[in-house]
Every structure is written in structure tokens, then in C-alpha cells.
N, C-alpha and C. Protein backbone atom coordinates (compact mmCIF):
# COMPACT_ATOMS: atom_id res chain seq x y z
N UNK A 1 -6.52 203.24 -73.89
CA UNK A 1 -5.84 202.14 -74.52
C UNK A 1 -4.82 202.71 -75.51
N UNK A 2 -3.58 202.29 -75.37
CA UNK A 2 -2.57 202.77 -76.31
C UNK A 2 -1.94 201.63 -77.10
N UNK A 3 -2.36 200.38 -76.83
CA UNK A 3 -1.86 199.23 -77.56
C UNK A 3 -2.98 198.21 -77.65
N UNK A 4 -3.19 197.65 -78.83
CA UNK A 4 -4.24 196.63 -79.01
C UNK A 4 -3.57 195.26 -78.95
N UNK A 5 -4.01 194.47 -77.98
CA UNK A 5 -3.38 193.17 -77.70
C UNK A 5 -3.65 192.12 -78.77
N UNK A 6 -2.79 191.13 -78.79
CA UNK A 6 -2.87 190.02 -79.72
C UNK A 6 -4.20 189.27 -79.57
N UNK A 7 -4.84 188.97 -80.68
CA UNK A 7 -6.08 188.17 -80.78
C UNK A 7 -7.30 188.80 -80.08
N UNK A 8 -7.23 190.03 -79.62
CA UNK A 8 -8.31 190.61 -78.81
C UNK A 8 -9.65 190.69 -79.53
N UNK A 9 -9.66 190.94 -80.82
CA UNK A 9 -10.91 191.01 -81.59
C UNK A 9 -11.00 189.87 -82.61
N UNK A 10 -10.19 188.86 -82.46
CA UNK A 10 -10.13 187.77 -83.44
C UNK A 10 -11.52 187.16 -83.67
N UNK A 11 -11.85 187.00 -84.95
CA UNK A 11 -13.12 186.40 -85.39
C UNK A 11 -14.36 187.13 -84.87
N UNK A 12 -14.23 188.40 -84.60
CA UNK A 12 -15.38 189.22 -84.21
C UNK A 12 -16.07 189.67 -85.50
N UNK A 13 -16.89 188.81 -86.04
CA UNK A 13 -17.47 189.03 -87.37
C UNK A 13 -18.50 190.14 -87.40
N UNK A 14 -18.97 190.59 -86.25
CA UNK A 14 -19.94 191.69 -86.24
C UNK A 14 -19.26 193.06 -86.14
N UNK A 15 -17.95 193.09 -85.98
CA UNK A 15 -17.21 194.35 -85.88
C UNK A 15 -17.14 195.03 -87.24
N UNK A 16 -17.76 196.22 -87.35
CA UNK A 16 -17.80 196.93 -88.62
C UNK A 16 -16.86 198.12 -88.66
N UNK A 17 -16.57 198.71 -87.49
CA UNK A 17 -15.69 199.87 -87.45
C UNK A 17 -15.00 199.96 -86.09
N UNK A 18 -13.86 200.63 -86.06
CA UNK A 18 -13.16 200.89 -84.81
C UNK A 18 -12.66 202.32 -84.83
N UNK A 19 -12.55 202.90 -83.64
CA UNK A 19 -11.97 204.22 -83.47
C UNK A 19 -10.63 204.03 -82.77
N UNK A 20 -9.57 204.55 -83.37
CA UNK A 20 -8.22 204.40 -82.82
C UNK A 20 -7.73 205.78 -82.38
N UNK A 21 -7.31 205.88 -81.10
CA UNK A 21 -6.84 207.17 -80.61
C UNK A 21 -5.49 207.56 -81.21
N UNK A 22 -5.20 208.84 -81.18
CA UNK A 22 -3.93 209.34 -81.70
C UNK A 22 -2.75 208.81 -80.89
N UNK A 23 -2.99 208.41 -79.66
CA UNK A 23 -1.93 207.92 -78.77
C UNK A 23 -1.57 206.46 -78.99
N UNK A 24 -2.17 205.81 -79.98
CA UNK A 24 -1.93 204.39 -80.22
C UNK A 24 -0.45 204.13 -80.49
N UNK A 25 0.11 203.11 -79.81
CA UNK A 25 1.52 202.79 -80.01
C UNK A 25 1.72 201.53 -80.84
N UNK A 26 0.65 200.74 -81.05
CA UNK A 26 0.80 199.57 -81.89
C UNK A 26 -0.39 198.64 -81.83
N UNK A 27 -0.43 197.74 -82.82
CA UNK A 27 -1.47 196.71 -82.90
C UNK A 27 -0.75 195.37 -82.99
N UNK A 28 -1.00 194.51 -82.00
CA UNK A 28 -0.33 193.21 -81.95
C UNK A 28 -0.84 192.28 -83.05
N UNK A 29 -0.10 191.22 -83.28
CA UNK A 29 -0.42 190.25 -84.32
C UNK A 29 -1.81 189.63 -84.16
N UNK A 30 -2.52 189.55 -85.25
CA UNK A 30 -3.81 188.89 -85.35
C UNK A 30 -4.89 189.49 -84.46
N UNK A 31 -4.72 190.74 -84.03
CA UNK A 31 -5.71 191.40 -83.17
C UNK A 31 -7.06 191.50 -83.87
N UNK A 32 -7.06 191.69 -85.18
CA UNK A 32 -8.30 191.83 -85.95
C UNK A 32 -8.46 190.71 -86.97
N UNK A 33 -7.79 189.61 -86.76
CA UNK A 33 -7.87 188.46 -87.67
C UNK A 33 -9.30 187.91 -87.70
N UNK A 34 -9.83 187.71 -88.88
CA UNK A 34 -11.17 187.16 -89.03
C UNK A 34 -12.29 188.17 -88.91
N UNK A 35 -11.96 189.44 -88.77
CA UNK A 35 -12.99 190.49 -88.68
C UNK A 35 -13.38 190.90 -90.10
N UNK A 36 -14.07 190.01 -90.78
CA UNK A 36 -14.31 190.20 -92.21
C UNK A 36 -15.35 191.26 -92.56
N UNK A 37 -16.02 191.85 -91.56
CA UNK A 37 -16.95 192.95 -91.83
C UNK A 37 -16.37 194.30 -91.41
N UNK A 38 -15.10 194.30 -91.00
CA UNK A 38 -14.45 195.55 -90.59
C UNK A 38 -14.20 196.40 -91.83
N UNK A 39 -14.98 197.46 -91.97
CA UNK A 39 -14.91 198.30 -93.17
C UNK A 39 -14.27 199.66 -92.94
N UNK A 40 -14.38 200.19 -91.72
CA UNK A 40 -13.94 201.55 -91.47
C UNK A 40 -13.08 201.65 -90.21
N UNK A 41 -11.93 202.32 -90.35
CA UNK A 41 -11.05 202.62 -89.24
C UNK A 41 -11.06 204.13 -89.08
N UNK A 42 -11.49 204.61 -87.92
CA UNK A 42 -11.54 206.04 -87.63
C UNK A 42 -10.37 206.38 -86.72
N UNK A 43 -9.41 207.13 -87.27
CA UNK A 43 -8.19 207.46 -86.53
C UNK A 43 -8.23 208.92 -86.10
N UNK A 44 -7.93 209.16 -84.83
CA UNK A 44 -8.06 210.51 -84.27
C UNK A 44 -6.92 211.45 -84.68
N UNK A 45 -5.89 210.96 -85.28
CA UNK A 45 -4.81 211.82 -85.76
C UNK A 45 -4.88 211.96 -87.27
N UNK A 46 -3.88 212.64 -87.81
CA UNK A 46 -3.84 212.75 -89.28
C UNK A 46 -2.94 211.65 -89.84
N UNK A 47 -2.86 211.58 -91.13
CA UNK A 47 -2.13 210.49 -91.77
C UNK A 47 -0.64 210.51 -91.39
N UNK A 48 -0.11 211.68 -91.12
CA UNK A 48 1.31 211.80 -90.72
C UNK A 48 1.55 211.27 -89.32
N UNK A 49 0.52 211.31 -88.46
CA UNK A 49 0.64 210.81 -87.10
C UNK A 49 0.61 209.29 -87.03
N UNK A 50 0.09 208.65 -88.05
CA UNK A 50 -0.10 207.19 -88.03
C UNK A 50 1.25 206.50 -88.30
N UNK A 51 2.05 206.41 -87.26
CA UNK A 51 3.36 205.80 -87.42
C UNK A 51 3.57 204.62 -86.48
N UNK A 52 2.48 204.07 -85.95
CA UNK A 52 2.59 202.93 -85.06
C UNK A 52 2.62 201.63 -85.87
N UNK A 53 3.30 200.59 -85.35
CA UNK A 53 3.38 199.32 -86.09
C UNK A 53 2.07 198.53 -86.01
N UNK A 54 1.71 197.93 -87.13
CA UNK A 54 0.59 196.99 -87.18
C UNK A 54 1.21 195.65 -87.56
N UNK A 55 1.21 194.71 -86.61
CA UNK A 55 1.88 193.43 -86.81
C UNK A 55 1.07 192.51 -87.71
N UNK A 56 1.69 191.40 -88.12
CA UNK A 56 1.10 190.48 -89.08
C UNK A 56 -0.25 189.93 -88.63
N UNK A 57 -1.05 189.52 -89.60
CA UNK A 57 -2.34 188.91 -89.33
C UNK A 57 -3.49 189.90 -89.21
N UNK A 58 -3.24 191.16 -89.48
CA UNK A 58 -4.27 192.19 -89.38
C UNK A 58 -4.61 192.71 -90.78
N UNK A 59 -4.95 191.80 -91.66
CA UNK A 59 -5.19 192.14 -93.06
C UNK A 59 -6.33 193.13 -93.24
N UNK A 60 -7.34 193.02 -92.40
CA UNK A 60 -8.48 193.92 -92.55
C UNK A 60 -8.12 195.36 -92.21
N UNK A 61 -7.14 195.55 -91.32
CA UNK A 61 -6.68 196.91 -91.01
C UNK A 61 -5.85 197.47 -92.15
N UNK A 62 -5.00 196.65 -92.71
CA UNK A 62 -4.06 197.14 -93.69
C UNK A 62 -4.53 197.17 -95.13
N UNK A 63 -5.43 196.26 -95.49
CA UNK A 63 -5.76 196.13 -96.91
C UNK A 63 -7.23 196.35 -97.25
N UNK A 64 -8.13 195.95 -96.38
CA UNK A 64 -9.54 195.96 -96.73
C UNK A 64 -10.31 197.14 -96.16
N UNK A 65 -10.05 197.49 -94.93
CA UNK A 65 -10.79 198.58 -94.29
C UNK A 65 -10.31 199.94 -94.79
N UNK A 66 -11.23 200.88 -94.78
CA UNK A 66 -10.92 202.25 -95.19
C UNK A 66 -10.55 203.07 -93.96
N UNK A 67 -9.45 203.79 -94.04
CA UNK A 67 -8.99 204.63 -92.94
C UNK A 67 -9.55 206.04 -93.11
N UNK A 68 -10.09 206.59 -92.01
CA UNK A 68 -10.57 207.96 -91.95
C UNK A 68 -9.72 208.69 -90.92
N UNK A 69 -9.29 209.89 -91.22
CA UNK A 69 -8.36 210.62 -90.36
C UNK A 69 -8.99 211.86 -89.75
N UNK A 70 -8.33 212.41 -88.73
CA UNK A 70 -8.75 213.64 -88.04
C UNK A 70 -10.12 213.51 -87.39
N UNK A 71 -10.36 212.37 -86.78
CA UNK A 71 -11.64 212.11 -86.14
C UNK A 71 -11.63 212.68 -84.73
N UNK A 72 -12.70 213.36 -84.36
CA UNK A 72 -12.89 213.86 -83.01
C UNK A 72 -13.89 212.94 -82.32
N UNK A 73 -13.57 212.50 -81.13
CA UNK A 73 -14.52 211.68 -80.36
C UNK A 73 -14.87 212.44 -79.09
N UNK A 74 -16.06 212.99 -79.07
CA UNK A 74 -16.54 213.77 -77.95
C UNK A 74 -17.85 213.11 -77.49
N UNK A 75 -17.82 212.45 -76.36
CA UNK A 75 -18.99 211.70 -75.89
C UNK A 75 -20.15 212.59 -75.47
N UNK A 76 -19.92 213.88 -75.28
CA UNK A 76 -21.01 214.79 -74.94
C UNK A 76 -21.38 215.62 -76.17
N UNK A 77 -21.56 214.96 -77.27
CA UNK A 77 -21.82 215.59 -78.56
C UNK A 77 -23.31 215.85 -78.77
N UNK A 78 -23.62 216.70 -79.74
CA UNK A 78 -24.96 216.88 -80.27
C UNK A 78 -24.96 216.30 -81.68
N UNK A 79 -25.92 215.45 -81.98
CA UNK A 79 -26.01 214.92 -83.34
C UNK A 79 -26.14 216.09 -84.29
N UNK A 80 -25.32 216.11 -85.32
CA UNK A 80 -25.33 217.19 -86.29
C UNK A 80 -24.23 218.21 -86.08
N UNK A 81 -23.66 218.26 -84.88
CA UNK A 81 -22.55 219.18 -84.62
C UNK A 81 -21.26 218.50 -85.08
N UNK A 82 -21.12 218.42 -86.38
CA UNK A 82 -20.06 217.64 -87.01
C UNK A 82 -18.67 218.19 -86.69
N UNK A 83 -18.53 219.52 -86.66
CA UNK A 83 -17.22 220.11 -86.40
C UNK A 83 -16.98 220.37 -84.91
N UNK A 84 -17.92 219.93 -84.07
CA UNK A 84 -17.76 219.92 -82.61
C UNK A 84 -17.53 221.32 -82.02
N UNK A 85 -18.25 222.32 -82.54
CA UNK A 85 -18.09 223.68 -82.02
C UNK A 85 -19.34 224.18 -81.30
N UNK A 86 -20.26 223.29 -80.97
CA UNK A 86 -21.54 223.53 -80.27
C UNK A 86 -22.62 224.18 -81.12
N UNK A 87 -22.36 224.50 -82.37
CA UNK A 87 -23.36 225.06 -83.28
C UNK A 87 -23.69 224.06 -84.38
N UNK A 88 -24.95 224.03 -84.79
CA UNK A 88 -25.35 223.20 -85.93
C UNK A 88 -25.72 224.15 -87.05
N UNK A 89 -24.90 224.15 -88.13
CA UNK A 89 -25.11 225.12 -89.20
C UNK A 89 -24.53 224.60 -90.51
N UNK A 90 -24.46 225.48 -91.50
CA UNK A 90 -23.97 225.11 -92.83
C UNK A 90 -22.55 224.56 -92.80
N UNK A 91 -21.72 225.03 -91.88
CA UNK A 91 -20.34 224.50 -91.78
C UNK A 91 -20.35 223.01 -91.48
N UNK A 92 -21.32 222.55 -90.69
CA UNK A 92 -21.42 221.13 -90.40
C UNK A 92 -21.81 220.33 -91.64
N UNK A 93 -22.71 220.90 -92.43
CA UNK A 93 -23.09 220.25 -93.69
C UNK A 93 -21.88 220.13 -94.62
N UNK A 94 -21.08 221.17 -94.69
CA UNK A 94 -19.86 221.13 -95.50
C UNK A 94 -18.90 220.08 -94.96
N UNK A 95 -18.74 220.02 -93.65
CA UNK A 95 -17.81 219.06 -93.04
C UNK A 95 -18.23 217.62 -93.30
N UNK A 96 -19.52 217.30 -93.17
CA UNK A 96 -19.96 215.93 -93.42
C UNK A 96 -19.79 215.58 -94.90
N UNK A 97 -20.02 216.55 -95.78
CA UNK A 97 -19.83 216.31 -97.21
C UNK A 97 -18.36 216.05 -97.53
N UNK A 98 -17.48 216.82 -96.93
CA UNK A 98 -16.04 216.62 -97.15
C UNK A 98 -15.58 215.28 -96.58
N UNK A 99 -16.13 214.89 -95.43
CA UNK A 99 -15.78 213.60 -94.84
C UNK A 99 -16.16 212.46 -95.77
N UNK A 100 -17.37 212.50 -96.30
CA UNK A 100 -17.83 211.44 -97.20
C UNK A 100 -17.02 211.43 -98.49
N UNK A 101 -16.55 212.61 -98.92
CA UNK A 101 -15.73 212.70 -100.14
C UNK A 101 -14.26 212.37 -99.88
N UNK A 102 -13.94 211.96 -98.66
CA UNK A 102 -12.58 211.54 -98.29
C UNK A 102 -11.54 212.64 -98.29
N UNK A 103 -11.92 213.83 -97.93
CA UNK A 103 -10.92 214.89 -97.77
C UNK A 103 -10.05 214.53 -96.58
N UNK A 104 -8.75 214.67 -96.72
CA UNK A 104 -7.82 214.29 -95.66
C UNK A 104 -7.80 215.26 -94.49
N UNK A 105 -8.01 216.52 -94.74
CA UNK A 105 -7.81 217.53 -93.70
C UNK A 105 -9.09 218.00 -93.01
N UNK A 106 -10.18 217.28 -93.14
CA UNK A 106 -11.41 217.68 -92.46
C UNK A 106 -11.47 216.98 -91.10
N UNK A 107 -11.77 217.76 -90.06
CA UNK A 107 -11.92 217.20 -88.71
C UNK A 107 -13.40 217.09 -88.40
N UNK A 108 -13.83 215.91 -87.98
CA UNK A 108 -15.24 215.68 -87.69
C UNK A 108 -15.39 214.93 -86.37
N UNK A 109 -16.52 215.17 -85.70
CA UNK A 109 -16.87 214.37 -84.54
C UNK A 109 -17.58 213.13 -85.06
N UNK A 110 -16.91 212.03 -85.02
CA UNK A 110 -17.41 210.77 -85.58
C UNK A 110 -18.79 210.42 -85.03
N UNK A 111 -19.01 210.63 -83.75
CA UNK A 111 -20.28 210.24 -83.13
C UNK A 111 -21.46 211.07 -83.63
N UNK A 112 -21.20 212.26 -84.13
CA UNK A 112 -22.28 213.16 -84.56
C UNK A 112 -22.63 213.01 -86.04
N UNK A 113 -21.94 212.16 -86.77
CA UNK A 113 -22.10 212.08 -88.22
C UNK A 113 -23.39 211.41 -88.70
N UNK A 114 -23.86 210.39 -88.02
CA UNK A 114 -25.02 209.63 -88.49
C UNK A 114 -26.31 210.35 -88.12
N UNK A 115 -26.64 211.38 -88.87
CA UNK A 115 -27.76 212.26 -88.51
C UNK A 115 -29.13 211.65 -88.77
N UNK A 116 -29.21 210.62 -89.61
CA UNK A 116 -30.52 209.98 -89.87
C UNK A 116 -30.66 208.64 -89.13
N UNK A 117 -29.68 208.30 -88.31
CA UNK A 117 -29.75 207.15 -87.41
C UNK A 117 -29.98 205.81 -88.12
N UNK A 118 -29.29 205.62 -89.26
CA UNK A 118 -29.41 204.34 -89.95
C UNK A 118 -28.15 203.49 -89.79
N UNK A 119 -27.27 203.90 -88.89
CA UNK A 119 -26.01 203.20 -88.60
C UNK A 119 -25.04 203.18 -89.77
N UNK A 120 -25.19 204.12 -90.68
CA UNK A 120 -24.27 204.29 -91.80
C UNK A 120 -24.00 205.78 -91.97
N UNK A 121 -22.82 206.09 -92.48
CA UNK A 121 -22.47 207.48 -92.76
C UNK A 121 -22.29 207.59 -94.26
N UNK A 122 -23.25 208.26 -94.93
CA UNK A 122 -23.24 208.29 -96.39
C UNK A 122 -23.99 209.53 -96.88
N UNK A 123 -24.25 209.58 -98.17
CA UNK A 123 -24.93 210.74 -98.76
C UNK A 123 -26.35 210.94 -98.24
N UNK A 124 -26.97 209.89 -97.75
CA UNK A 124 -28.30 210.05 -97.16
C UNK A 124 -28.24 210.95 -95.94
N UNK A 125 -27.12 210.89 -95.19
CA UNK A 125 -26.95 211.79 -94.05
C UNK A 125 -26.82 213.24 -94.52
N UNK A 126 -26.11 213.45 -95.61
CA UNK A 126 -25.95 214.80 -96.16
C UNK A 126 -27.31 215.36 -96.57
N UNK A 127 -28.09 214.56 -97.28
CA UNK A 127 -29.42 214.98 -97.72
C UNK A 127 -30.32 215.27 -96.52
N UNK A 128 -30.33 214.40 -95.55
CA UNK A 128 -31.14 214.57 -94.35
C UNK A 128 -30.75 215.86 -93.62
N UNK A 129 -29.45 216.07 -93.50
CA UNK A 129 -28.93 217.26 -92.81
C UNK A 129 -29.31 218.54 -93.56
N UNK A 130 -29.18 218.51 -94.89
CA UNK A 130 -29.55 219.68 -95.70
C UNK A 130 -31.03 220.01 -95.53
N UNK A 131 -31.86 218.99 -95.49
CA UNK A 131 -33.30 219.21 -95.29
C UNK A 131 -33.56 219.82 -93.92
N UNK A 132 -32.84 219.35 -92.90
CA UNK A 132 -32.97 219.91 -91.56
C UNK A 132 -32.62 221.40 -91.56
N UNK A 133 -31.49 221.73 -92.18
CA UNK A 133 -31.06 223.13 -92.22
C UNK A 133 -32.02 224.01 -93.02
N UNK A 134 -32.68 223.41 -94.02
CA UNK A 134 -33.62 224.17 -94.86
C UNK A 134 -34.99 224.32 -94.19
N UNK A 135 -35.16 223.73 -93.02
CA UNK A 135 -36.41 223.89 -92.29
C UNK A 135 -37.46 222.84 -92.59
N UNK A 136 -37.09 221.78 -93.27
CA UNK A 136 -38.04 220.69 -93.53
C UNK A 136 -38.41 220.03 -92.20
N UNK A 137 -39.46 219.28 -92.21
CA UNK A 137 -39.95 218.62 -91.00
C UNK A 137 -39.17 217.30 -90.78
N UNK A 138 -37.90 217.42 -90.47
CA UNK A 138 -37.06 216.26 -90.16
C UNK A 138 -36.31 216.59 -88.86
N UNK A 139 -35.94 215.54 -88.16
CA UNK A 139 -35.17 215.72 -86.94
C UNK A 139 -33.82 215.02 -87.08
N UNK A 140 -32.87 215.49 -86.32
CA UNK A 140 -31.56 214.85 -86.26
C UNK A 140 -31.60 213.86 -85.10
N UNK A 141 -31.21 212.63 -85.36
CA UNK A 141 -31.30 211.57 -84.33
C UNK A 141 -29.98 211.40 -83.65
């Protein structure tokens, strides 16, 4: 998908996040109108790449939702392999910490971030991941 059509997600109140590919060419008017729980936009490019038009009526994209950049989407991921290099180690812990702290230049595999399987990406994931690396009796989900 390189263009999001008009009204396609209108009033989708259960929509909490979307992943937008780097190849996106635009978002039509009111595509996300009424998506009042849309909190996170995961964009596969960096902030300089985001030059596509977002037409009127998409207030949640432009004003309310938080944009995350440099997202990697790899469907054959391992939970915990945050930097998508096939290893789970301290570098992944650093990457998830930087992601949560809103560093612009950190690249992460979005699908591998929720290591405690609570459907949120936050400091609890960092703590859970650190315990896993330290050898505690926890698993990555």
C-alpha cells in the first residue's frame, strides 16, 4: 500500500497504532477521522523521508498521535531481537531503551518490541528484557 484512501479507517475507535511504510505517497482526507484511540504512528523511514501529504480531516495523525521513526517490520522476527540482527543481547536492550526515550536515529523491529506481551511498549518491557538477559526466570513472549 502506498496511498491510504479517503475514509478507509473512519470511526475505527479500536485502532491504537498504525505502521506506515517508507514508500507512502499520501493519506487522503478523513482516512483516520474519528480514530480517537490512535496514539502511535510507526513510520519505516526517518523524519526527513516523511514528505508525503496528509490531507484534511486526519487530526489524529497530525496532532494527537505520536510518530516513531526508523521502524523495521520483519514478519519473521524473534521477540527480543529489537535491532533485527538475529541475536538477542545487550544491544537490543539499549535499542528498546532508546526507542522508549524517543531517540530519532534508533532503528527497531516494531514487532519484536513488546517482550512481556502486554500489548504496550514501555519501561516494563525494558525491565522484563533486562531480567531475561540477567538470567532471571522470565521468558520473552
